[in-house]
Structure formats: structure tokens, C-alpha cells
N, C-alpha and C. Protein backbone atom coordinates (compact mmCIF):
# COMPACT_ATOMS: atom_id res chain seq x y z
N MET A 1 8.00 -153.39 53.28
CA MET A 1 8.93 -153.87 54.28
C MET A 1 9.74 -155.06 53.76
N ASN A 2 9.13 -155.90 52.98
CA ASN A 2 9.85 -157.04 52.43
C ASN A 2 11.03 -156.59 51.58
N ASP A 3 10.89 -155.46 50.88
CA ASP A 3 12.01 -154.94 50.08
C ASP A 3 13.18 -154.58 50.99
N LEU A 4 12.90 -154.01 52.15
CA LEU A 4 13.95 -153.63 53.08
C LEU A 4 14.68 -154.87 53.60
N LEU A 5 13.95 -155.91 53.91
CA LEU A 5 14.58 -157.15 54.37
C LEU A 5 15.38 -157.80 53.25
N LYS A 6 14.91 -157.71 52.03
CA LYS A 6 15.63 -158.27 50.88
C LYS A 6 16.95 -157.53 50.68
N ILE A 7 16.91 -156.21 50.79
CA ILE A 7 18.13 -155.41 50.67
C ILE A 7 19.11 -155.81 51.78
N ALA A 8 18.62 -155.99 53.00
CA ALA A 8 19.47 -156.39 54.12
C ALA A 8 20.13 -157.74 53.83
N GLN A 9 19.36 -158.69 53.33
CA GLN A 9 19.91 -160.01 53.00
C GLN A 9 20.95 -159.89 51.89
N ASP A 10 20.65 -159.11 50.86
CA ASP A 10 21.57 -158.93 49.74
C ASP A 10 22.89 -158.30 50.19
N CYS A 11 22.84 -157.53 51.27
CA CYS A 11 24.04 -156.85 51.78
C CYS A 11 24.84 -157.73 52.74
N GLY A 12 24.32 -158.89 53.07
CA GLY A 12 25.07 -159.80 53.93
C GLY A 12 24.53 -159.98 55.33
N PHE A 13 23.37 -159.40 55.62
CA PHE A 13 22.76 -159.60 56.93
C PHE A 13 22.03 -160.93 56.99
N SER A 14 21.95 -161.47 58.19
CA SER A 14 21.12 -162.64 58.45
C SER A 14 19.78 -162.12 58.93
N VAL A 15 18.69 -162.51 58.27
CA VAL A 15 17.35 -162.07 58.65
C VAL A 15 16.57 -163.30 59.10
N VAL A 16 16.10 -163.26 60.35
CA VAL A 16 15.41 -164.41 60.93
C VAL A 16 14.01 -163.99 61.36
N LEU A 17 13.02 -164.78 60.96
CA LEU A 17 11.65 -164.56 61.41
C LEU A 17 11.54 -165.07 62.84
N GLU A 18 11.34 -164.17 63.78
CA GLU A 18 11.26 -164.54 65.19
C GLU A 18 9.86 -164.98 65.59
N GLY A 19 8.86 -164.40 64.96
CA GLY A 19 7.50 -164.76 65.33
C GLY A 19 6.48 -163.97 64.56
N ARG A 20 5.25 -164.37 64.73
CA ARG A 20 4.15 -163.71 64.05
C ARG A 20 2.98 -163.63 65.02
N ILE A 21 2.43 -162.44 65.16
CA ILE A 21 1.24 -162.23 65.98
C ILE A 21 0.23 -161.53 65.09
N GLY A 22 -0.83 -162.24 64.74
CA GLY A 22 -1.81 -161.69 63.82
C GLY A 22 -1.16 -161.44 62.48
N THR A 23 -1.23 -160.21 62.02
CA THR A 23 -0.63 -159.86 60.73
C THR A 23 0.77 -159.28 60.86
N LEU A 24 1.25 -159.11 62.11
CA LEU A 24 2.57 -158.53 62.32
C LEU A 24 3.63 -159.62 62.39
N GLU A 25 4.75 -159.37 61.71
CA GLU A 25 5.89 -160.28 61.76
C GLU A 25 7.03 -159.58 62.51
N TYR A 26 7.74 -160.37 63.31
CA TYR A 26 8.87 -159.86 64.07
C TYR A 26 10.12 -160.54 63.56
N ASN A 27 11.07 -159.73 63.09
CA ASN A 27 12.30 -160.25 62.52
C ASN A 27 13.50 -159.73 63.29
N SER A 28 14.55 -160.53 63.29
CA SER A 28 15.85 -160.10 63.80
C SER A 28 16.80 -160.00 62.62
N VAL A 29 17.61 -158.94 62.62
CA VAL A 29 18.59 -158.73 61.57
C VAL A 29 19.94 -158.55 62.24
N SER A 30 20.92 -159.34 61.81
CA SER A 30 22.25 -159.20 62.39
C SER A 30 23.30 -159.46 61.32
N GLY A 31 24.47 -158.86 61.53
CA GLY A 31 25.54 -159.06 60.58
C GLY A 31 26.75 -158.22 60.94
N PRO A 32 27.80 -158.33 60.14
CA PRO A 32 29.04 -157.59 60.39
C PRO A 32 28.91 -156.11 60.01
N LEU A 33 29.86 -155.33 60.47
CA LEU A 33 29.89 -153.90 60.18
C LEU A 33 29.92 -153.65 58.67
N GLN A 34 30.63 -154.49 57.93
CA GLN A 34 30.71 -154.32 56.47
C GLN A 34 29.31 -154.45 55.85
N ALA A 35 28.48 -155.32 56.39
CA ALA A 35 27.11 -155.45 55.88
C ALA A 35 26.32 -154.19 56.15
N LEU A 36 26.52 -153.58 57.32
CA LEU A 36 25.84 -152.34 57.67
C LEU A 36 26.25 -151.21 56.72
N GLU A 37 27.55 -151.13 56.43
CA GLU A 37 28.03 -150.11 55.51
C GLU A 37 27.45 -150.30 54.11
N LYS A 38 27.42 -151.55 53.66
CA LYS A 38 26.85 -151.85 52.34
C LYS A 38 25.36 -151.54 52.31
N PHE A 39 24.65 -151.84 53.40
CA PHE A 39 23.22 -151.56 53.51
C PHE A 39 22.97 -150.06 53.44
N ALA A 40 23.77 -149.29 54.17
CA ALA A 40 23.61 -147.83 54.16
C ALA A 40 23.83 -147.26 52.76
N GLU A 41 24.84 -147.78 52.05
CA GLU A 41 25.09 -147.33 50.67
C GLU A 41 23.92 -147.68 49.76
N ALA A 42 23.36 -148.88 49.93
CA ALA A 42 22.23 -149.31 49.10
C ALA A 42 21.01 -148.43 49.34
N ILE A 43 20.74 -148.10 50.59
CA ILE A 43 19.59 -147.24 50.90
C ILE A 43 19.83 -145.84 50.36
N ARG A 44 21.05 -145.32 50.54
CA ARG A 44 21.38 -143.99 50.01
C ARG A 44 21.19 -143.95 48.50
N ASP A 45 21.70 -144.96 47.80
CA ASP A 45 21.57 -145.00 46.34
C ASP A 45 20.11 -145.08 45.91
N THR A 46 19.31 -145.83 46.65
CA THR A 46 17.87 -145.94 46.34
C THR A 46 17.18 -144.59 46.50
N VAL A 47 17.50 -143.89 47.58
CA VAL A 47 16.88 -142.58 47.83
C VAL A 47 17.31 -141.59 46.74
N LEU A 48 18.58 -141.60 46.38
CA LEU A 48 19.06 -140.67 45.36
C LEU A 48 18.41 -140.94 44.00
N GLN A 49 18.15 -142.20 43.69
CA GLN A 49 17.51 -142.55 42.42
C GLN A 49 16.05 -142.11 42.39
N GLU A 50 15.41 -142.06 43.57
CA GLU A 50 13.99 -141.70 43.64
C GLU A 50 13.76 -140.21 43.66
N GLN A 51 14.79 -139.42 43.99
CA GLN A 51 14.63 -137.97 44.06
C GLN A 51 14.65 -137.39 42.65
N PRO A 52 13.72 -136.46 42.38
CA PRO A 52 13.76 -135.79 41.08
C PRO A 52 14.99 -134.92 40.96
N ARG A 53 15.59 -134.92 39.79
CA ARG A 53 16.78 -134.09 39.57
C ARG A 53 16.37 -132.64 39.41
N GLN A 54 17.15 -131.76 40.01
CA GLN A 54 16.89 -130.33 39.92
C GLN A 54 18.07 -129.67 39.25
N ASP A 55 17.80 -128.96 38.17
CA ASP A 55 18.88 -128.25 37.48
C ASP A 55 19.18 -126.96 38.24
N GLU A 56 20.45 -126.69 38.43
CA GLU A 56 20.84 -125.48 39.15
C GLU A 56 21.27 -124.41 38.19
């Protein structure tokens, strides 16, 4: 999960720790539409890199 929050921060989102109950952390993530688009591209690129290539 920390990797996901790091990617969000790198894309321009503000990530705020709202609270902690036991071992669970509650975060808020907010930012502009451009940050969301950049985040979606980063996640897509990560997924594509992890998929094994299939020769057709």
C-alpha cells in the first residue's frame, strides 16, 4: 500500500494521514484532474510491465 501512496504523491496528489486505529492507517488523497490522469498512466504502465509478454 505504501507504494500506491508513493505513486500518488509522485503524480501530484496530496496524501494526508487522517488517523490510525490499531494497525490500520486512514489516509486522504486529493489533487487536480491532471494528477489523476498521471496516476492512471503510472498504474497502467506498472501493470503492463508486470504482465508476461506473449508472442502472437
